[in-house]
Amino acid sequence: MNKAEAERGFLTRDSIANIIRLGSLVAIALGLFAIVSGGLAIYLNLSAQLDLERANGAAAQHAGRIGGALSDIQTSLRDASVVDAARSGSADALRRALRERGTTGIIDVRVLPAQIDEIALNGDGNLDFAATESAIEAIRDSRAEIRVIQAGSADESLVFAQRLPGESGVLLLRLTTSVLTSLLESVDALDFVALAQDNGGNYAVLDATGRPAAARIRNLPIEGSRLVFQWSRAMVTAPVDNRTAVIVGSSGIIVLMIGLLLRRRTRLARYLEHHAPERAPAGRAADGPAQAEATMVLGPDGEAPEERGRDEEDDDEQATVVAGAPDLPEWLRDDLDKKG
């Protein structure tokens, strides 16, 4: 192998080492990026889940307060003093009894017949269709579902209808919607709260506070009514779920370990290359014996001093060697002694 080929081989090995070194750095960078991305995604998802749980709790508490107010009004309609005032036929006495029970915002209160036919045929000129429907529902089911009639108009009102004990009739109560909308308050855990009525999937908003976030508006039904409590909460979530984030993070750990292993191997190879013991060139090793023979000094008789000395030593050793007596049996040794 000539010098040019050796240099080309060295450059090729050096280029491969540089490529491996660069690949290890890329693998380390990708692994770290995947680990950080997976961890950040899990953190965002867990934070969003905690925010959602707090928002759900605040919304349930707010809706429960509104539902409690409706339940108190329904209870007041069954109070004995209110029932007696309704049977007396005095509108003033009925209003007074309701106020004493804590009912405010009264627009109208009246007692309707207990027969559906009378309400359907005769009706009441001052009642709209929704109020009449509530009265009929109360006759059938003892009490009607609480609803808002003429929502969004100047005549908007909250309607309660209950059947009085026996055949006394149906007690119909209309209140201002402010009785409920005044309960809406800004909550730190919620960005937007509203009170609305569900009209078959179409929501009529009665009142709202805050600004609806980009997140979807959630509806929480209020028991015993057609009303719903609406709320929303802006949350920052990761584009992937926790399972995908765990897979990404685990893959990042594997890629990082591969990159560190490659970098360690390249460093070890460079260390061994620079600290390996130097070897004598092959040409010098081959020429060594020839040069030694060429520079050998001969003695006067043409022999090398070392060889001649070695031959003399061999001769001396051969001269001083004494053969040992062979091991003979005693009877043969005695015969030899006698003959000698």
C-alpha atoms as a PDB file:
ATOM      1  CA  MET A   1       0.000   0.000   0.000  1.00  0.00           C
ATOM      2  CA  ASN A   2       1.528   3.310  -1.066  1.00  0.00           C
ATOM      3  CA  LYS A   3       1.350   6.595   0.795  1.00  0.00           C
ATOM      4  CA  ALA A   4      -1.591   7.994  -1.233  1.00  0.00           C
ATOM      5  CA  GLU A   5      -3.746   4.948  -0.561  1.00  0.00           C
ATOM      6  CA  ALA A   6      -2.912   5.121   3.146  1.00  0.00           C
ATOM      7  CA  GLU A   7      -3.919   8.783   3.273  1.00  0.00           C
ATOM      8  CA  ARG A   8      -7.190   8.040   1.470  1.00  0.00           C
ATOM      9  CA  GLY A   9      -7.978   5.254   3.946  1.00  0.00           C
ATOM     10  CA  PHE A  10      -7.225   7.534   6.860  1.00  0.00           C
ATOM     11  CA  LEU A  11      -9.476  10.266   5.444  1.00  0.00           C
ATOM     12  CA  THR A  12     -12.270   7.744   4.876  1.00  0.00           C
ATOM     13  CA  ARG A  13     -12.083   6.506   8.466  1.00  0.00           C
ATOM     14  CA  ASP A  14     -11.993  10.076   9.748  1.00  0.00           C
ATOM     15  CA  SER A  15     -15.052  11.018   7.651  1.00  0.00           C
ATOM     16  CA  ILE A  16     -17.017   8.034   8.926  1.00  0.00           C
ATOM     17  CA  ALA A  17     -16.084   8.933  12.497  1.00  0.00           C
ATOM     18  CA  ASN A  18     -17.260  12.515  11.956  1.00  0.00           C
ATOM     19  CA  ILE A  19     -20.559  11.308  10.503  1.00  0.00           C
ATOM     20  CA  ILE A  20     -21.118   8.979  13.462  1.00  0.00           C
ATOM     21  CA  ARG A  21     -20.205  11.779  15.866  1.00  0.00           C
ATOM     22  CA  LEU A  22     -22.672  14.142  14.179  1.00  0.00           C
ATOM     23  CA  GLY A  23     -25.357  11.447  14.171  1.00  0.00           C
ATOM     24  CA  SER A  24     -24.883  10.903  17.893  1.00  0.00           C
ATOM     25  CA  LEU A  25     -25.368  14.625  18.545  1.00  0.00           C
ATOM     26  CA  VAL A  26     -28.527  14.642  16.434  1.00  0.00           C
ATOM     27  CA  ALA A  27     -29.850  11.583  18.296  1.00  0.00           C
ATOM     28  CA  ILE A  28     -29.145  13.242  21.656  1.00  0.00           C
ATOM     29  CA  ALA A  29     -30.912  16.430  20.559  1.00  0.00           C
ATOM     30  CA  LEU A  30     -33.940  14.534  19.241  1.00  0.00           C
ATOM     31  CA  GLY A  31     -34.128  12.434  22.393  1.00  0.00           C
ATOM     32  CA  LEU A  32     -34.037  15.489  24.652  1.00  0.00           C
ATOM     33  CA  PHE A  33     -36.665  17.220  22.521  1.00  0.00           C
ATOM     34  CA  ALA A  34     -38.979  14.200  22.685  1.00  0.00           C
ATOM     35  CA  ILE A  35     -38.540  13.887  26.458  1.00  0.00           C
ATOM     36  CA  VAL A  36     -39.256  17.588  27.035  1.00  0.00           C
ATOM     37  CA  SER A  37     -42.222  17.543  24.634  1.00  0.00           C
ATOM     38  CA  GLY A  38     -43.763  14.473  26.253  1.00  0.00           C
ATOM     39  CA  GLY A  39     -43.285  15.861  29.759  1.00  0.00           C
ATOM     40  CA  LEU A  40     -44.733  19.243  28.793  1.00  0.00           C
ATOM     41  CA  ALA A  41     -47.760  17.587  27.175  1.00  0.00           C
ATOM     42  CA  ILE A  42     -48.443  15.528  30.299  1.00  0.00           C
ATOM     43  CA  TYR A  43     -48.064  18.621  32.495  1.00  0.00           C
ATOM     44  CA  LEU A  44     -50.489  20.652  30.357  1.00  0.00           C
ATOM     45  CA  ASN A  45     -53.051  17.852  30.286  1.00  0.00           C
ATOM     46  CA  LEU A  46     -52.887  17.318  34.045  1.00  0.00           C
ATOM     47  CA  SER A  47     -53.146  21.063  34.697  1.00  0.00           C
ATOM     48  CA  ALA A  48     -56.137  21.315  32.364  1.00  0.00           C
ATOM     49  CA  GLN A  49     -57.772  18.354  34.092  1.00  0.00           C
ATOM     50  CA  LEU A  50     -57.334  19.981  37.508  1.00  0.00           C
ATOM     51  CA  ASP A  51     -58.739  23.284  36.198  1.00  0.00           C
ATOM     52  CA  LEU A  52     -61.700  21.441  34.715  1.00  0.00           C
ATOM     53  CA  GLU A  53     -62.416  19.677  38.006  1.00  0.00           C
ATOM     54  CA  ARG A  54     -62.329  22.980  39.893  1.00  0.00           C
ATOM     55  CA  ALA A  55     -64.566  24.594  37.273  1.00  0.00           C
ATOM     56  CA  ASN A  56     -67.030  21.696  37.463  1.00  0.00           C
ATOM     57  CA  GLY A  57     -67.195  22.053  41.227  1.00  0.00           C
ATOM     58  CA  ALA A  58     -67.776  25.818  41.036  1.00  0.00           C
ATOM     59  CA  ALA A  59     -70.450  25.402  38.340  1.00  0.00           C
ATOM     60  CA  ALA A  60     -72.258  22.699  40.321  1.00  0.00           C
ATOM     61  CA  GLN A  61     -72.225  24.903  43.409  1.00  0.00           C
ATOM     62  CA  HIS A  62     -73.578  27.881  41.460  1.00  0.00           C
ATOM     63  CA  ALA A  63     -76.300  25.823  39.792  1.00  0.00           C
ATOM     64  CA  GLY A  64     -77.189  24.287  43.150  1.00  0.00           C
ATOM     65  CA  ARG A  65     -77.729  27.741  44.613  1.00  0.00           C
ATOM     66  CA  ILE A  66     -80.158  28.618  41.804  1.00  0.00           C
ATOM     67  CA  GLY A  67     -81.904  25.269  42.145  1.00  0.00           C
ATOM     68  CA  GLY A  68     -82.213  25.828  45.884  1.00  0.00           C
ATOM     69  CA  ALA A  69     -83.940  29.169  45.314  1.00  0.00           C
ATOM     70  CA  LEU A  70     -86.449  27.503  42.968  1.00  0.00           C
ATOM     71  CA  SER A  71     -87.055  24.728  45.494  1.00  0.00           C
ATOM     72  CA  ASP A  72     -87.751  27.282  48.246  1.00  0.00           C
ATOM     73  CA  ILE A  73     -90.394  28.969  46.086  1.00  0.00           C
ATOM     74  CA  GLN A  74     -92.022  25.635  45.310  1.00  0.00           C
ATOM     75  CA  THR A  75     -92.079  24.828  49.018  1.00  0.00           C
ATOM     76  CA  SER A  76     -93.709  28.165  49.845  1.00  0.00           C
ATOM     77  CA  LEU A  77     -96.582  27.364  47.454  1.00  0.00           C
ATOM     78  CA  ARG A  78     -97.382  24.274  49.557  1.00  0.00           C
ATOM     79  CA  ASP A  79     -97.316  26.156  52.854  1.00  0.00           C
ATOM     80  CA  ALA A  80    -100.569  25.971  54.831  1.00  0.00           C
ATOM     81  CA  SER A  81    -100.901  29.754  55.118  1.00  0.00           C
ATOM     82  CA  VAL A  82    -100.516  30.169  51.362  1.00  0.00           C
ATOM     83  CA  VAL A  83    -103.021  27.387  50.646  1.00  0.00           C
ATOM     84  CA  ASP A  84    -105.561  28.943  53.016  1.00  0.00           C
ATOM     85  CA  ALA A  85    -105.077  32.349  51.423  1.00  0.00           C
ATOM     86  CA  ALA A  86    -105.562  30.814  47.964  1.00  0.00           C
ATOM     87  CA  ARG A  87    -108.817  29.136  49.036  1.00  0.00           C
ATOM     88  CA  SER A  88    -110.085  32.382  50.506  1.00  0.00           C
ATOM     89  CA  GLY A  89    -110.179  33.936  47.059  1.00  0.00           C
ATOM     90  CA  SER A  90    -108.444  37.147  48.180  1.00  0.00           C
ATOM     91  CA  ALA A  91    -105.561  38.112  45.881  1.00  0.00           C
ATOM     92  CA  ASP A  92    -104.148  40.545  48.450  1.00  0.00           C
ATOM     93  CA  ALA A  93    -104.153  37.904  51.173  1.00  0.00           C
ATOM     94  CA  LEU A  94    -102.423  35.492  48.823  1.00  0.00           C
ATOM     95  CA  ARG A  95     -99.699  38.012  47.951  1.00  0.00           C
ATOM     96  CA  ARG A  96     -99.208  38.848  51.592  1.00  0.00           C
ATOM     97  CA  ALA A  97     -98.866  35.175  52.538  1.00  0.00           C
ATOM     98  CA  LEU A  98     -96.268  34.631  49.825  1.00  0.00           C
ATOM     99  CA  ARG A  99     -94.231  37.662  50.912  1.00  0.00           C
ATOM    100  CA  GLU A 100     -94.268  36.407  54.464  1.00  0.00           C
ATOM    101  CA  ARG A 101     -92.750  33.194  53.151  1.00  0.00           C
ATOM    102  CA  GLY A 102     -89.910  35.195  51.543  1.00  0.00           C
ATOM    103  CA  THR A 103     -91.190  35.207  47.961  1.00  0.00           C
ATOM    104  CA  THR A 104     -90.276  38.436  46.154  1.00  0.00           C
ATOM    105  CA  GLY A 105     -90.645  39.833  42.652  1.00  0.00           C
ATOM    106  CA  ILE A 106     -94.309  38.802  42.334  1.00  0.00           C
ATOM    107  CA  ILE A 107     -95.859  39.874  39.025  1.00  0.00           C
ATOM    108  CA  ASP A 108     -99.115  37.942  39.255  1.00  0.00           C
ATOM    109  CA  VAL A 109    -100.643  35.173  41.364  1.00  0.00           C
ATOM    110  CA  ARG A 110    -104.048  33.581  40.832  1.00  0.00           C
ATOM    111  CA  VAL A 111    -106.055  30.425  41.359  1.00  0.00           C
ATOM    112  CA  LEU A 112    -107.304  28.634  38.235  1.00  0.00           C
ATOM    113  CA  PRO A 113    -109.947  25.893  37.987  1.00  0.00           C
ATOM    114  CA  ALA A 114    -108.815  22.366  38.733  1.00  0.00           C
ATOM    115  CA  GLN A 115    -110.475  20.946  35.600  1.00  0.00           C
ATOM    116  CA  ILE A 116    -108.497  20.847  32.382  1.00  0.00           C
ATOM    117  CA  ASP A 117    -111.631  21.333  30.278  1.00  0.00           C
ATOM    118  CA  GLU A 118    -112.506  24.574  31.979  1.00  0.00           C
ATOM    119  CA  ILE A 119    -108.996  25.943  31.489  1.00  0.00           C
ATOM    120  CA  ALA A 120    -108.794  24.749  27.899  1.00  0.00           C
ATOM    121  CA  LEU A 121    -112.249  25.988  26.873  1.00  0.00           C
ATOM    122  CA  ASN A 122    -112.772  29.073  28.983  1.00  0.00           C
ATOM    123  CA  GLY A 123    -109.167  29.894  29.802  1.00  0.00           C
ATOM    124  CA  ASP A 124    -108.148  33.324  30.939  1.00  0.00           C
ATOM    125  CA  GLY A 125    -107.726  36.235  28.633  1.00  0.00           C
ATOM    126  CA  ASN A 126    -104.713  37.472  30.573  1.00  0.00           C
ATOM    127  CA  LEU A 127    -102.801  34.187  30.198  1.00  0.00           C
ATOM    128  CA  ASP A 128    -100.719  33.252  27.212  1.00  0.00           C
ATOM    129  CA  PHE A 129    -100.388  29.767  25.809  1.00  0.00           C
ATOM    130  CA  ALA A 130     -97.256  28.894  27.870  1.00  0.00           C
ATOM    131  CA  ALA A 131     -98.943  29.828  31.170  1.00  0.00           C
ATOM    132  CA  THR A 132    -102.038  27.846  30.247  1.00  0.00           C
ATOM    133  CA  GLU A 133     -99.842  24.874  29.360  1.00  0.00           C
ATOM    134  CA  SER A 134     -98.169  25.106  32.785  1.00  0.00           C
ATOM    135  CA  ALA A 135    -101.557  25.087  34.532  1.00  0.00           C
ATOM    136  CA  ILE A 136    -102.687  22.003  32.596  1.00  0.00           C
ATOM    137  CA  GLU A 137     -99.404  20.249  33.385  1.00  0.00           C
ATOM    138  CA  ALA A 138     -99.897  21.018  37.099  1.00  0.00           C
ATOM    139  CA  ILE A 139    -103.364  19.439  37.033  1.00  0.00           C
ATOM    140  CA  ARG A 140    -101.928  16.257  35.532  1.00  0.00           C
ATOM    141  CA  ASP A 141     -98.657  15.987  37.472  1.00  0.00           C
ATOM    142  CA  SER A 142     -99.420  17.892  40.687  1.00  0.00           C
ATOM    143  CA  ARG A 143     -96.945  20.591  39.690  1.00  0.00           C
ATOM    144  CA  ALA A 144     -95.571  21.947  36.452  1.00  0.00           C
ATOM    145  CA  GLU A 145     -92.015  22.255  35.309  1.00  0.00           C
ATOM    146  CA  ILE A 146     -90.658  25.718  36.078  1.00  0.00           C
ATOM    147  CA  ARG A 147     -90.150  27.762  32.935  1.00  0.00           C
ATOM    148  CA  VAL A 148     -89.736  31.290  31.611  1.00  0.00           C
ATOM    149  CA  ILE A 149     -92.433  32.591  29.288  1.00  0.00           C
ATOM    150  CA  GLN A 150     -91.914  35.295  26.690  1.00  0.00           C
ATOM    151  CA  ALA A 151     -88.160  35.151  27.217  1.00  0.00           C
ATOM    152  CA  GLY A 152     -86.283  38.183  25.932  1.00  0.00           C
ATOM    153  CA  SER A 153     -89.341  40.446  25.871  1.00  0.00           C
ATOM    154  CA  ALA A 154     -90.595  43.103  28.272  1.00  0.00           C
ATOM    155  CA  ASP A 155     -93.209  40.643  29.597  1.00  0.00           C
ATOM    156  CA  GLU A 156     -90.629  38.004  30.461  1.00  0.00           C
ATOM    157  CA  SER A 157     -91.577  36.132  33.629  1.00  0.00           C
ATOM    158  CA  LEU A 158     -90.808  33.018  35.633  1.00  0.00           C
ATOM    159  CA  VAL A 159     -93.852  30.740  35.981  1.00  0.00           C
ATOM    160  CA  PHE A 160     -94.711  28.304  38.800  1.00  0.00           C
ATOM    161  CA  ALA A 161     -97.864  26.169  38.808  1.00  0.00           C
ATOM    162  CA  GLN A 162     -99.038  23.773  41.542  1.00  0.00           C
ATOM    163  CA  ARG A 163    -102.262  21.933  42.154  1.00  0.00           C
ATOM    164  CA  LEU A 164    -103.851  22.806  45.483  1.00  0.00           C
ATOM    165  CA  PRO A 165    -104.905  19.968  47.817  1.00  0.00           C
ATOM    166  CA  GLY A 166    -108.232  18.418  46.896  1.00  0.00           C
ATOM    167  CA  GLU A 167    -110.143  20.094  44.102  1.00  0.00           C
ATOM    168  CA  SER A 168    -109.374  23.632  45.183  1.00  0.00           C
ATOM    169  CA  GLY A 169    -107.781  24.527  41.868  1.00  0.00           C
ATOM    170  CA  VAL A 170    -104.332  25.366  40.503  1.00  0.00           C
ATOM    171  CA  LEU A 171    -102.126  28.064  41.995  1.00  0.00           C
ATOM    172  CA  LEU A 172    -100.296  29.968  39.246  1.00  0.00           C
ATOM    173  CA  LEU A 173     -97.450  32.289  40.218  1.00  0.00           C
ATOM    174  CA  ARG A 174     -95.458  34.600  37.954  1.00  0.00           C
ATOM    175  CA  LEU A 175     -92.219  36.202  39.157  1.00  0.00           C
ATOM    176  CA  THR A 176     -89.609  38.465  37.627  1.00  0.00           C
ATOM    177  CA  THR A 177     -86.595  36.619  36.252  1.00  0.00           C
ATOM    178  CA  SER A 178     -84.364  38.861  38.377  1.00  0.00           C
ATOM    179  CA  VAL A 179     -85.210  36.550  41.263  1.00  0.00           C
ATOM    180  CA  LEU A 180     -82.798  34.084  39.664  1.00  0.00           C
ATOM    181  CA  THR A 181     -80.530  36.251  37.529  1.00  0.00           C
ATOM    182  CA  SER A 182     -79.505  38.188  40.633  1.00  0.00           C
ATOM    183  CA  LEU A 183     -77.889  34.982  41.863  1.00  0.00           C
ATOM    184  CA  LEU A 184     -75.401  34.973  38.989  1.00  0.00           C
ATOM    185  CA  GLU A 185     -71.974  35.995  40.220  1.00  0.00           C
ATOM    186  CA  SER A 186     -68.501  36.083  38.759  1.00  0.00           C
ATOM    187  CA  VAL A 187     -66.464  33.096  39.857  1.00  0.00           C
ATOM    188  CA  ASP A 188     -62.674  32.920  39.656  1.00  0.00           C
ATOM    189  CA  ALA A 189     -62.780  29.342  38.427  1.00  0.00           C
ATOM    190  CA  LEU A 190     -65.213  30.234  35.601  1.00  0.00           C
ATOM    191  CA  ASP A 191     -64.675  32.658  32.731  1.00  0.00           C
ATOM    192  CA  PHE A 192     -68.321  32.815  31.726  1.00  0.00           C
ATOM    193  CA  VAL A 193     -71.615  32.044  33.506  1.00  0.00           C
ATOM    194  CA  ALA A 194     -75.159  32.413  32.205  1.00  0.00           C
ATOM    195  CA  LEU A 195     -78.717  31.384  32.990  1.00  0.00           C
ATOM    196  CA  ALA A 196     -80.668  30.159  29.986  1.00  0.00           C
ATOM    197  CA  GLN A 197     -83.763  28.173  29.099  1.00  0.00           C
ATOM    198  CA  ASP A 198     -83.628  25.077  26.959  1.00  0.00           C
ATOM    199  CA  ASN A 199     -86.285  25.287  24.268  1.00  0.00           C
ATOM    200  CA  GLY A 200     -85.710  21.968  22.570  1.00  0.00           C
ATOM    201  CA  GLY A 201     -82.010  22.525  21.947  1.00  0.00           C
ATOM    202  CA  ASN A 202     -82.327  26.269  21.372  1.00  0.00           C
ATOM    203  CA  TYR A 203     -81.082  28.175  24.389  1.00  0.00           C
ATOM    204  CA  ALA A 204     -82.627  31.520  25.308  1.00  0.00           C
ATOM    205  CA  VAL A 205     -80.134  33.359  27.516  1.00  0.00           C
ATOM    206  CA  LEU A 206     -81.786  35.234  30.378  1.00  0.00           C
ATOM    207  CA  ASP A 207     -78.654  36.795  31.823  1.00  0.00           C
ATOM    208  CA  ALA A 208     -74.887  36.274  31.610  1.00  0.00           C
ATOM    209  CA  THR A 209     -71.688  37.538  33.136  1.00  0.00           C
ATOM    210  CA  GLY A 210     -68.154  37.324  31.811  1.00  0.00           C
ATOM    211  CA  ARG A 211     -67.036  36.541  28.304  1.00  0.00           C
ATOM    212  CA  PRO A 212     -67.447  33.129  26.734  1.00  0.00           C
ATOM    213  CA  ALA A 213     -64.050  31.553  26.184  1.00  0.00           C
ATOM    214  CA  ALA A 214     -62.922  29.835  23.044  1.00  0.00           C
ATOM    215  CA  ALA A 215     -63.703  26.566  24.781  1.00  0.00           C
ATOM    216  CA  ARG A 216     -67.146  25.123  24.293  1.00  0.00           C
ATOM    217  CA  ILE A 217     -69.958  26.293  26.567  1.00  0.00           C
ATOM    218  CA  ARG A 218     -71.138  23.586  28.940  1.00  0.00           C
ATOM    219  CA  ASN A 219     -74.745  23.238  30.088  1.00  0.00           C
ATOM    220  CA  LEU A 220     -75.716  22.113  33.570  1.00  0.00           C
ATOM    221  CA  PRO A 221     -79.485  21.427  33.906  1.00  0.00           C
ATOM    222  CA  ILE A 222     -81.276  22.808  36.956  1.00  0.00           C
ATOM    223  CA  GLU A 223     -83.524  20.175  38.482  1.00  0.00           C
ATOM    224  CA  GLY A 224     -87.282  20.693  38.261  1.00  0.00           C
ATOM    225  CA  SER A 225     -87.111  23.324  35.539  1.00  0.00           C
ATOM    226  CA  ARG A 226     -86.277  23.962  31.921  1.00  0.00           C
ATOM    227  CA  LEU A 227     -83.463  26.244  32.964  1.00  0.00           C
ATOM    228  CA  VAL A 228     -79.802  25.436  32.462  1.00  0.00           C
ATOM    229  CA  PHE A 229     -76.690  26.931  33.963  1.00  0.00           C
ATOM    230  CA  GLN A 230     -74.136  27.657  31.244  1.00  0.00           C
ATOM    231  CA  TRP A 231     -70.434  28.083  31.883  1.00  0.00           C
ATOM    232  CA  SER A 232     -67.082  27.930  30.173  1.00  0.00           C
ATOM    233  CA  ARG A 233     -63.460  27.881  31.202  1.00  0.00           C
ATOM    234  CA  ALA A 234     -60.438  28.567  28.997  1.00  0.00           C
ATOM    235  CA  MET A 235     -57.824  25.836  29.418  1.00  0.00           C
ATOM    236  CA  VAL A 236     -54.505  25.206  27.722  1.00  0.00           C
ATOM    237  CA  THR A 237     -54.257  21.570  26.690  1.00  0.00           C
ATOM    238  CA  ALA A 238     -51.663  19.632  24.734  1.00  0.00           C
ATOM    239  CA  PRO A 239     -52.445  18.542  21.169  1.00  0.00           C
ATOM    240  CA  VAL A 240     -51.951  14.904  22.226  1.00  0.00           C
ATOM    241  CA  ASP A 241     -53.363  12.829  25.054  1.00  0.00           C
ATOM    242  CA  ASN A 242     -51.352  11.470  27.974  1.00  0.00           C
ATOM    243  CA  ARG A 243     -50.881   8.045  26.386  1.00  0.00           C
ATOM    244  CA  THR A 244     -49.313   9.511  23.262  1.00  0.00           C
ATOM    245  CA  ALA A 245     -47.194  11.828  25.410  1.00  0.00           C
ATOM    246  CA  VAL A 246     -45.858   8.847  27.386  1.00  0.00           C
ATOM    247  CA  ILE A 247     -44.977   7.035  24.150  1.00  0.00           C
ATOM    248  CA  VAL A 248     -43.173  10.122  22.820  1.00  0.00           C
ATOM    249  CA  GLY A 249     -41.240  10.573  26.064  1.00  0.00           C
ATOM    250  CA  SER A 250     -40.258   6.884  26.216  1.00  0.00           C
ATOM    251  CA  SER A 251     -39.084   6.972  22.602  1.00  0.00           C
ATOM    252  CA  GLY A 252     -37.040  10.047  23.437  1.00  0.00           C
ATOM    253  CA  ILE A 253     -35.292   8.208  26.272  1.00  0.00           C
ATOM    254  CA  ILE A 254     -34.384   5.341  23.919  1.00  0.00           C
ATOM    255  CA  VAL A 255     -33.050   7.700  21.231  1.00  0.00           C
ATOM    256  CA  LEU A 256     -31.078   9.642  23.852  1.00  0.00           C
ATOM    257  CA  MET A 257     -29.438   6.450  25.147  1.00  0.00           C
ATOM    258  CA  ILE A 258     -28.511   5.431  21.594  1.00  0.00           C
ATOM    259  CA  GLY A 259     -26.949   8.839  20.969  1.00  0.00           C
ATOM    260  CA  LEU A 260     -24.953   8.718  24.210  1.00  0.00           C
ATOM    261  CA  LEU A 261     -23.736   5.193  23.412  1.00  0.00           C
ATOM    262  CA  LEU A 262     -22.589   6.207  19.917  1.00  0.00           C
ATOM    263  CA  ARG A 263     -20.793   9.240  21.278  1.00  0.00           C
ATOM    264  CA  ARG A 264     -19.063   7.170  23.937  1.00  0.00           C
ATOM    265  CA  ARG A 265     -17.884   4.634  21.344  1.00  0.00           C
ATOM    266  CA  THR A 266     -16.515   7.348  19.038  1.00  0.00           C
ATOM    267  CA  ARG A 267     -14.655   8.982  21.919  1.00  0.00           C
ATOM    268  CA  LEU A 268     -13.185   5.629  22.945  1.00  0.00           C
ATOM    269  CA  ALA A 269     -12.075   4.936  19.365  1.00  0.00           C
ATOM    270  CA  ARG A 270     -10.372   8.338  19.120  1.00  0.00           C
ATOM    271  CA  TYR A 271      -8.624   7.794  22.450  1.00  0.00           C
ATOM    272  CA  LEU A 272      -7.286   4.392  21.409  1.00  0.00           C
ATOM    273  CA  GLU A 273      -6.191   5.781  18.038  1.00  0.00           C
ATOM    274  CA  HIS A 274      -4.131   8.585  19.598  1.00  0.00           C
ATOM    275  CA  HIS A 275      -2.697   6.571  22.511  1.00  0.00           C
ATOM    276  CA  ALA A 276      -1.905   3.231  20.779  1.00  0.00           C
ATOM    277  CA  PRO A 277       1.848   2.100  21.030  1.00  0.00           C
ATOM    278  CA  GLU A 278       3.897   2.932  17.915  1.00  0.00           C
ATOM    279  CA  ARG A 279       5.085  -0.046  15.853  1.00  0.00           C
ATOM    280  CA  ALA A 280       8.312  -0.225  13.860  1.00  0.00           C
ATOM    281  CA  PRO A 281       7.825   0.040  10.112  1.00  0.00           C
ATOM    282  CA  ALA A 282       7.729  -3.241   8.249  1.00  0.00           C
ATOM    283  CA  GLY A 283      10.635  -2.244   5.937  1.00  0.00           C
ATOM    284  CA  ARG A 284      12.985  -1.630   8.817  1.00  0.00           C
ATOM    285  CA  ALA A 285      12.072  -4.918  10.500  1.00  0.00           C
ATOM    286  CA  ALA A 286      12.778  -6.859   7.306  1.00  0.00           C
ATOM    287  CA  ASP A 287      16.101  -5.161   6.688  1.00  0.00           C
ATOM    288  CA  GLY A 288      17.324  -5.646  10.264  1.00  0.00           C
ATOM    289  CA  PRO A 289      18.912  -9.133   9.941  1.00  0.00           C
ATOM    290  CA  ALA A 290      20.534  -8.274   6.608  1.00  0.00           C
ATOM    291  CA  GLN A 291      22.104  -5.133   8.012  1.00  0.00           C
ATOM    292  CA  ALA A 292      23.305  -7.105  11.038  1.00  0.00           C
ATOM    293  CA  GLU A 293      24.973  -9.671   8.794  1.00  0.00           C
ATOM    294  CA  ALA A 294      26.499  -6.935   6.651  1.00  0.00           C
ATOM    295  CA  THR A 295      28.070  -5.187   9.628  1.00  0.00           C
ATOM    296  CA  MET A 296      29.301  -8.327  11.364  1.00  0.00           C
ATOM    297  CA  VAL A 297      33.082  -8.288  12.038  1.00  0.00           C
ATOM    298  CA  LEU A 298      34.959 -11.469  11.045  1.00  0.00           C
ATOM    299  CA  GLY A 299      37.854 -12.910  12.915  1.00  0.00           C
ATOM    300  CA  PRO A 300      41.327 -13.700  11.478  1.00  0.00           C
ATOM    301  CA  ASP A 301      40.280 -17.137  10.362  1.00  0.00           C
ATOM    302  CA  GLY A 302      37.099 -15.933   8.626  1.00  0.00           C
ATOM    303  CA  GLU A 303      34.701 -16.880  11.406  1.00  0.00           C
ATOM    304  CA  ALA A 304      32.616 -14.596  13.431  1.00  0.00           C
ATOM    305  CA  PRO A 305      33.963 -14.120  16.945  1.00  0.00           C
ATOM    306  CA  GLU A 306      30.730 -15.151  18.557  1.00  0.00           C
ATOM    307  CA  GLU A 307      30.415 -18.322  16.470  1.00  0.00           C
ATOM    308  CA  ARG A 308      33.993 -19.276  17.028  1.00  0.00           C
ATOM    309  CA  GLY A 309      33.720 -18.777  20.752  1.00  0.00           C
ATOM    310  CA  ARG A 310      30.507 -20.768  20.777  1.00  0.00           C
ATOM    311  CA  ASP A 311      32.279 -23.685  18.936  1.00  0.00           C
ATOM    312  CA  GLU A 312      35.128 -23.660  21.455  1.00  0.00           C
ATOM    313  CA  GLU A 313      32.721 -23.748  24.333  1.00  0.00           C
ATOM    314  CA  ASP A 314      30.959 -26.714  22.720  1.00  0.00           C
ATOM    315  CA  ASP A 315      34.279 -28.566  22.361  1.00  0.00           C
ATOM    316  CA  ASP A 316      35.161 -27.960  26.006  1.00  0.00           C
ATOM    317  CA  GLU A 317      31.811 -29.177  27.088  1.00  0.00           C
ATOM    318  CA  GLN A 318      32.214 -32.347  24.967  1.00  0.00           C
ATOM    319  CA  ALA A 319      35.671 -33.040  26.422  1.00  0.00           C
ATOM    320  CA  THR A 320      34.587 -32.737  30.004  1.00  0.00           C
ATOM    321  CA  VAL A 321      31.627 -35.023  29.684  1.00  0.00           C
ATOM    322  CA  VAL A 322      32.175 -38.287  31.658  1.00  0.00           C
ATOM    323  CA  ALA A 323      29.977 -41.196  30.912  1.00  0.00           C
ATOM    324  CA  GLY A 324      28.386 -42.640  33.957  1.00  0.00           C
ATOM    325  CA  ALA A 325      28.727 -46.243  34.850  1.00  0.00           C
ATOM    326  CA  PRO A 326      25.832 -48.334  33.745  1.00  0.00           C
ATOM    327  CA  ASP A 327      23.678 -49.871  36.364  1.00  0.00           C
ATOM    328  CA  LEU A 328      24.689 -53.600  36.521  1.00  0.00           C
ATOM    329  CA  PRO A 329      23.459 -56.380  38.757  1.00  0.00           C
ATOM    330  CA  GLU A 330      25.714 -57.203  41.713  1.00  0.00           C
ATOM    331  CA  TRP A 331      26.578 -60.729  40.508  1.00  0.00           C
ATOM    332  CA  LEU A 332      27.772 -59.382  37.150  1.00  0.00           C
ATOM    333  CA  ARG A 333      29.658 -56.584  38.842  1.00  0.00           C
ATOM    334  CA  ASP A 334      31.521 -59.159  41.058  1.00  0.00           C
ATOM    335  CA  ASP A 335      32.518 -61.224  37.991  1.00  0.00           C
ATOM    336  CA  LEU A 336      33.918 -58.188  36.293  1.00  0.00           C
ATOM    337  CA  ASP A 337      35.911 -57.277  39.365  1.00  0.00           C
ATOM    338  CA  LYS A 338      37.433 -60.774  39.545  1.00  0.00           C
ATOM    339  CA  LYS A 339      38.392 -60.741  35.880  1.00  0.00           C
ATOM    340  CA  GLY A 340      39.860 -57.299  36.242  1.00  0.00           C
END
